[in-house]
């Protein structure tokens, strides 16, 4: 088993959320990713990094970084938005392929209704209808097949604040799709947030996991969010995601479980943050998380 370790713009507060905190220039973020000891990154929101292959590759190459993948949200609950989601995924896939990436990540788009109940979902009240499930599986399959034609594998990223958040929702999606066509991006923080054990997920899904997001969770912040009915984005503002090794996620055991299934690929460290909050230092956190993986996990 070999694992390369990267980081992503979200660790600097660069998120696919309209009106989120001020954005640090992309060149500075790439500098800090490289200086913190990482060897790759993800694209972040489309347009944050250069969107032409040559300039993008130039920015990566001069820092010794690889472009690993990109996160593309699709509004799965809304069939009228599927064509736009398909077009966005293909636009992103073409850019990824042009700079040597071999994987694209799909996710459901966050919605206000699911953001509000993230971490405490009632399946009967908050989930997709049967018709919506059929539509979701159809558009995901269509996008994955088109991306394969472009030379990219496709993995699905479960995410708090979306309709594919809980262990049961993730299991249904996996059971409803072709495991040769669609893999899983296991996000340890989002899996924990959604009520699951990331170590159990690594054991359960094994070879279906094609990509790993390593994220840690502060249980007191998550517990308070659940008790007080705090939405997902507010929980991020309050620091629900912490540096690796400082929260509830057992990263060494996740890696051990993946090792047992011969996982080969990338682990991307992510710490979703609000950079405007007092005491937040993305670069220092990225350094400490990298040191933790080196010292405690051996990657």
Protein backbone atom coordinates (compact mmCIF):
# COMPACT_ATOMS: atom_id res chain seq x y z
CA UNK A 1 0.00 0.00 0.00
CA UNK A 2 1.19 3.49 -0.79
CA UNK A 3 -0.52 6.71 0.19
CA UNK A 4 0.36 10.19 -1.00
CA UNK A 5 -0.70 13.01 1.28
CA UNK A 6 -2.19 16.30 0.10
CA UNK A 7 -4.18 19.19 1.43
CA UNK A 8 -6.94 21.28 -0.09
CA UNK A 9 -8.11 24.90 -0.29
CA UNK A 10 -10.97 24.19 2.11
CA UNK A 11 -8.38 24.05 4.90
CA UNK A 12 -7.84 27.75 4.22
CA UNK A 13 -11.58 28.47 4.27
CA UNK A 14 -12.02 28.27 0.49
CA UNK A 15 -15.43 26.62 0.17
CA UNK A 16 -18.20 26.11 -2.38
CA UNK A 17 -20.47 28.31 -0.26
CA UNK A 18 -21.67 31.69 -1.49
CA UNK A 19 -20.72 34.50 0.87
CA UNK A 20 -18.20 32.47 2.89
CA UNK A 21 -15.26 34.22 4.47
CA UNK A 22 -12.66 36.23 2.57
CA UNK A 23 -10.40 34.22 0.31
CA UNK A 24 -6.62 34.21 0.47
CA UNK A 25 -4.97 34.46 -2.97
CA UNK A 26 -4.56 31.06 -4.58
CA UNK A 27 -0.81 31.43 -5.01
CA UNK A 28 -0.35 31.94 -1.28
CA UNK A 29 -2.48 28.90 -0.50
CA UNK A 30 -0.44 26.75 -2.89
CA UNK A 31 2.78 28.08 -1.35
CA UNK A 32 1.60 27.12 2.12
CA UNK A 33 0.37 23.67 1.06
CA UNK A 34 3.83 22.92 -0.32
CA UNK A 35 5.68 24.50 2.60
CA UNK A 36 3.62 22.46 5.08
CA UNK A 37 4.92 19.25 3.52
CA UNK A 38 2.12 18.14 1.21
CA UNK A 39 2.61 16.80 -2.32
CA UNK A 40 -0.79 17.41 -3.88
CA UNK A 41 -3.98 19.41 -3.73
CA UNK A 42 -7.56 19.58 -4.98
CA UNK A 43 -9.06 22.16 -7.31
CA UNK A 44 -11.34 23.91 -4.83
CA UNK A 45 -14.30 25.92 -6.14
CA UNK A 46 -14.07 26.19 -9.92
CA UNK A 47 -12.40 29.49 -10.76
CA UNK A 48 -10.36 29.83 -7.58
CA UNK A 49 -7.30 28.32 -9.30
CA UNK A 50 -6.58 29.01 -12.98
CA UNK A 51 -9.08 27.25 -15.24
CA UNK A 52 -6.79 26.88 -18.26
CA UNK A 53 -4.53 23.81 -18.19
CA UNK A 54 -1.19 25.47 -18.91
CA UNK A 55 -1.38 28.22 -16.27
CA UNK A 56 -2.76 25.76 -13.72
CA UNK A 57 -0.02 23.23 -14.39
CA UNK A 58 2.55 25.99 -14.16
CA UNK A 59 1.34 27.04 -10.71
CA UNK A 60 1.46 23.43 -9.52
CA UNK A 61 4.78 22.48 -11.09
CA UNK A 62 6.78 25.36 -9.68
CA UNK A 63 5.79 24.18 -6.20
CA UNK A 64 6.21 20.47 -6.83
CA UNK A 65 2.50 19.77 -6.38
CA UNK A 66 0.08 17.48 -8.20
CA UNK A 67 -3.57 18.18 -8.94
CA UNK A 68 -5.36 15.20 -7.46
CA UNK A 69 -9.09 15.75 -7.96
CA UNK A 70 -11.96 18.20 -7.65
CA UNK A 71 -15.21 18.26 -5.70
CA UNK A 72 -18.29 18.84 -7.87
CA UNK A 73 -21.67 19.25 -6.12
CA UNK A 74 -24.82 18.32 -8.04
CA UNK A 75 -28.31 19.18 -6.77
CA UNK A 76 -29.51 15.59 -6.65
CA UNK A 77 -32.97 16.36 -5.20
CA UNK A 78 -33.84 18.68 -8.10
CA UNK A 79 -34.12 17.03 -11.54
CA UNK A 80 -34.32 20.42 -13.22
CA UNK A 81 -30.75 21.09 -12.03
CA UNK A 82 -29.26 17.83 -13.28
CA UNK A 83 -28.26 19.08 -16.73
CA UNK A 84 -26.40 22.00 -15.20
CA UNK A 85 -24.71 19.59 -12.80
CA UNK A 86 -23.70 17.35 -15.67
CA UNK A 87 -22.22 20.28 -17.61
CA UNK A 88 -20.28 21.49 -14.57
CA UNK A 89 -18.89 18.02 -13.91
CA UNK A 90 -17.73 17.60 -17.51
CA UNK A 91 -16.14 21.06 -17.59
CA UNK A 92 -14.24 20.20 -14.43
CA UNK A 93 -13.33 16.73 -15.65
CA UNK A 94 -11.78 18.09 -18.83
CA UNK A 95 -9.58 20.46 -16.82
CA UNK A 96 -8.55 17.69 -14.43
CA UNK A 97 -7.67 15.34 -17.27
CA UNK A 98 -5.62 18.04 -18.97
CA UNK A 99 -3.38 18.46 -15.90
CA UNK A 100 -2.92 14.76 -15.23
CA UNK A 101 -5.52 14.04 -12.56
CA UNK A 102 -7.27 10.69 -12.72
CA UNK A 103 -10.22 11.13 -10.37
CA UNK A 104 -13.24 13.38 -9.96
CA UNK A 105 -15.43 13.61 -6.86
CA UNK A 106 -19.19 14.03 -7.04
CA UNK A 107 -21.37 15.08 -4.14
CA UNK A 108 -24.88 16.26 -3.50
CA UNK A 109 -25.22 20.03 -3.23
CA UNK A 110 -25.88 21.38 0.24
CA UNK A 111 -29.43 22.60 0.83
CA UNK A 112 -30.86 24.83 3.54
CA UNK A 113 -33.16 22.08 4.79
CA UNK A 114 -30.36 19.56 5.25
CA UNK A 115 -27.83 22.09 6.55
CA UNK A 116 -30.32 22.82 9.32
CA UNK A 117 -30.54 19.17 10.47
CA UNK A 118 -27.00 17.99 9.73
CA UNK A 119 -25.80 15.51 12.32
CA UNK A 120 -29.34 14.73 13.50
CA UNK A 121 -31.16 13.59 10.38
CA UNK A 122 -34.56 11.92 10.62
CA UNK A 123 -34.66 9.68 7.54
CA UNK A 124 -38.45 9.63 7.22
CA UNK A 125 -38.72 13.40 7.51
CA UNK A 126 -35.51 14.63 5.89
CA UNK A 127 -34.59 12.11 3.18
CA UNK A 128 -35.05 11.85 -0.56
CA UNK A 129 -38.25 10.41 -1.97
CA UNK A 130 -38.13 7.19 -4.00
CA UNK A 131 -38.46 9.21 -7.19
CA UNK A 132 -35.63 11.51 -6.13
CA UNK A 133 -33.43 8.51 -5.33
CA UNK A 134 -34.02 7.13 -8.82
CA UNK A 135 -33.11 10.49 -10.35
CA UNK A 136 -30.01 10.83 -8.19
CA UNK A 137 -28.68 7.42 -9.13
CA UNK A 138 -29.38 8.11 -12.80
CA UNK A 139 -27.50 11.42 -13.00
CA UNK A 140 -24.58 10.15 -10.93
CA UNK A 141 -24.26 7.11 -13.19
CA UNK A 142 -24.48 9.26 -16.31
CA UNK A 143 -21.77 11.63 -15.09
CA UNK A 144 -19.49 8.79 -14.01
CA UNK A 145 -19.81 7.09 -17.39
CA UNK A 146 -19.01 10.33 -19.23
CA UNK A 147 -16.00 11.00 -16.99
CA UNK A 148 -14.70 7.50 -17.65
CA UNK A 149 -14.68 8.35 -21.35
CA UNK A 150 -12.42 11.28 -20.45
CA UNK A 151 -10.03 8.99 -18.56
CA UNK A 152 -11.24 9.80 -15.05
CA UNK A 153 -12.56 7.52 -12.34
CA UNK A 154 -15.44 8.90 -10.28
CA UNK A 155 -15.92 8.63 -6.52
CA UNK A 156 -18.84 9.93 -4.49
CA UNK A 157 -18.20 12.22 -1.52
CA UNK A 158 -20.83 11.96 1.22
CA UNK A 159 -21.24 15.30 2.96
CA UNK A 160 -22.97 16.80 5.99
CA UNK A 161 -25.76 19.17 5.01
CA UNK A 162 -26.72 17.11 1.94
CA UNK A 163 -29.09 14.27 1.15
CA UNK A 164 -26.20 11.77 1.17
CA UNK A 165 -24.90 12.24 4.71
CA UNK A 166 -25.85 9.38 7.03
CA UNK A 167 -24.38 5.86 6.97
CA UNK A 168 -27.76 4.55 5.75
CA UNK A 169 -27.89 7.05 2.88
CA UNK A 170 -24.32 6.24 1.88
CA UNK A 171 -25.08 2.51 1.97
CA UNK A 172 -28.16 2.96 -0.20
CA UNK A 173 -26.20 4.92 -2.79
CA UNK A 174 -23.47 2.29 -2.90
CA UNK A 175 -26.02 -0.51 -3.16
CA UNK A 176 -27.76 1.31 -6.03
CA UNK A 177 -24.69 1.98 -8.18
CA UNK A 178 -22.12 -0.04 -10.09
CA UNK A 179 -19.00 -0.56 -7.92
CA UNK A 180 -16.88 -0.73 -11.06
CA UNK A 181 -18.12 2.69 -12.17
CA UNK A 182 -18.54 4.61 -8.91
CA UNK A 183 -16.19 4.49 -5.95
CA UNK A 184 -16.47 6.17 -2.57
CA UNK A 185 -14.53 9.07 -1.13
CA UNK A 186 -14.48 8.34 2.58
CA UNK A 187 -14.43 11.62 4.48
CA UNK A 188 -13.67 10.70 8.07
CA UNK A 189 -15.02 13.94 9.52
CA UNK A 190 -18.26 13.99 7.57
CA UNK A 191 -18.88 10.31 8.28
CA UNK A 192 -18.50 10.98 12.00
CA UNK A 193 -20.66 14.10 11.75
CA UNK A 194 -23.38 12.05 10.05
CA UNK A 195 -23.49 9.59 12.93
CA UNK A 196 -21.06 6.89 11.82
CA UNK A 197 -17.71 5.42 12.81
CA UNK A 198 -15.10 6.10 10.11
CA UNK A 199 -13.07 3.04 11.12
CA UNK A 200 -16.12 0.83 10.59
CA UNK A 201 -16.73 2.53 7.24
CA UNK A 202 -13.15 1.84 6.13
CA UNK A 203 -13.62 -1.81 7.03
CA UNK A 204 -17.08 -2.06 5.46
CA UNK A 205 -16.36 -0.44 2.12
CA UNK A 206 -12.76 -1.57 1.70
CA UNK A 207 -11.82 -1.62 -1.96
CA UNK A 208 -14.77 0.60 -2.87
CA UNK A 209 -12.91 3.50 -1.24
CA UNK A 210 -10.96 5.18 -4.03
CA UNK A 211 -10.11 8.42 -2.25
CA UNK A 212 -9.69 9.53 1.36
CA UNK A 213 -10.39 12.83 3.08
CA UNK A 214 -8.80 12.90 6.52
CA UNK A 215 -10.71 15.21 8.80
CA UNK A 216 -11.10 15.31 12.59
CA UNK A 217 -14.06 16.40 14.73
CA UNK A 218 -14.33 18.20 18.08
CA UNK A 219 -17.03 16.19 19.93
CA UNK A 220 -18.03 19.04 22.31
CA UNK A 221 -18.79 21.33 19.36
CA UNK A 222 -20.72 18.63 17.51
CA UNK A 223 -22.61 17.64 20.66
CA UNK A 224 -23.64 21.24 21.25
CA UNK A 225 -24.71 21.61 17.61
CA UNK A 226 -26.97 18.58 18.02
CA UNK A 227 -28.39 19.71 21.36
CA UNK A 228 -29.02 23.30 20.29
CA UNK A 229 -30.17 22.58 16.73
CA UNK A 230 -27.22 24.42 15.17
CA UNK A 231 -26.82 24.09 11.41
CA UNK A 232 -23.75 22.67 9.70
CA UNK A 233 -22.21 25.95 8.54
CA UNK A 234 -22.61 27.52 11.96
CA UNK A 235 -20.88 24.47 13.45
CA UNK A 236 -17.98 25.06 11.03
CA UNK A 237 -17.85 28.68 12.20
CA UNK A 238 -17.59 27.38 15.77
CA UNK A 239 -14.69 25.07 14.99
CA UNK A 240 -16.31 21.63 14.73
CA UNK A 241 -13.40 20.43 12.59
CA UNK A 242 -10.01 20.39 14.25
CA UNK A 243 -6.43 19.40 13.52
CA UNK A 244 -5.80 15.70 13.03
CA UNK A 245 -5.23 13.86 16.29
CA UNK A 246 -7.06 16.47 18.35
CA UNK A 247 -10.58 15.09 18.05
CA UNK A 248 -12.62 11.90 17.95
CA UNK A 249 -11.51 10.39 14.63
CA UNK A 250 -9.05 7.52 14.94
CA UNK A 251 -6.95 8.20 11.85
CA UNK A 252 -4.38 5.44 12.53
CA UNK A 253 -7.13 2.82 12.65
CA UNK A 254 -8.73 4.19 9.48
CA UNK A 255 -5.39 3.85 7.70
CA UNK A 256 -4.88 0.35 9.13
CA UNK A 257 -8.31 -0.71 7.84
CA UNK A 258 -7.55 0.68 4.40
CA UNK A 259 -4.18 -1.03 4.43
CA UNK A 260 -5.99 -4.33 4.99
CA UNK A 261 -7.95 -3.73 1.79
CA UNK A 262 -4.82 -2.69 -0.18
CA UNK A 263 -5.84 0.94 -0.59
CA UNK A 264 -3.54 2.84 -2.93
CA UNK A 265 -3.97 6.51 -3.68
CA UNK A 266 -4.32 9.87 -2.00
CA UNK A 267 -5.24 10.99 1.48
CA UNK A 268 -6.21 14.65 1.46
CA UNK A 269 -6.11 16.44 4.80
CA UNK A 270 -9.05 18.79 5.22
CA UNK A 271 -9.98 21.07 8.08
CA UNK A 272 -13.06 23.06 7.06
CA UNK A 273 -12.64 26.40 8.80
CA UNK A 274 -13.78 29.98 8.98
CA UNK A 275 -10.49 31.88 8.59
CA UNK A 276 -12.02 35.01 10.11
CA UNK A 277 -12.52 33.38 13.50
CA UNK A 278 -10.05 34.39 16.26
CA UNK A 279 -7.04 32.13 16.64
CA UNK A 280 -7.49 30.31 13.32
CA UNK A 281 -4.13 29.79 11.55
CA UNK A 282 -4.59 27.50 8.52
CA UNK A 283 -0.88 27.13 7.78
CA UNK A 284 0.07 26.21 11.35
CA UNK A 285 -2.79 23.72 11.51
CA UNK A 286 -1.75 22.18 8.19
CA UNK A 287 1.81 21.78 9.47
CA UNK A 288 0.68 20.11 12.69
CA UNK A 289 -1.71 17.76 10.90
CA UNK A 290 1.08 16.74 8.53
CA UNK A 291 3.41 16.13 11.46
CA UNK A 292 0.73 14.03 13.14
CA UNK A 293 0.33 11.81 10.08
CA UNK A 294 4.06 11.37 9.79
CA UNK A 295 4.62 10.63 13.46
CA UNK A 296 1.47 8.72 14.45
CA UNK A 297 0.32 7.11 11.21
CA UNK A 298 3.56 6.73 9.29
CA UNK A 299 2.48 8.38 6.05
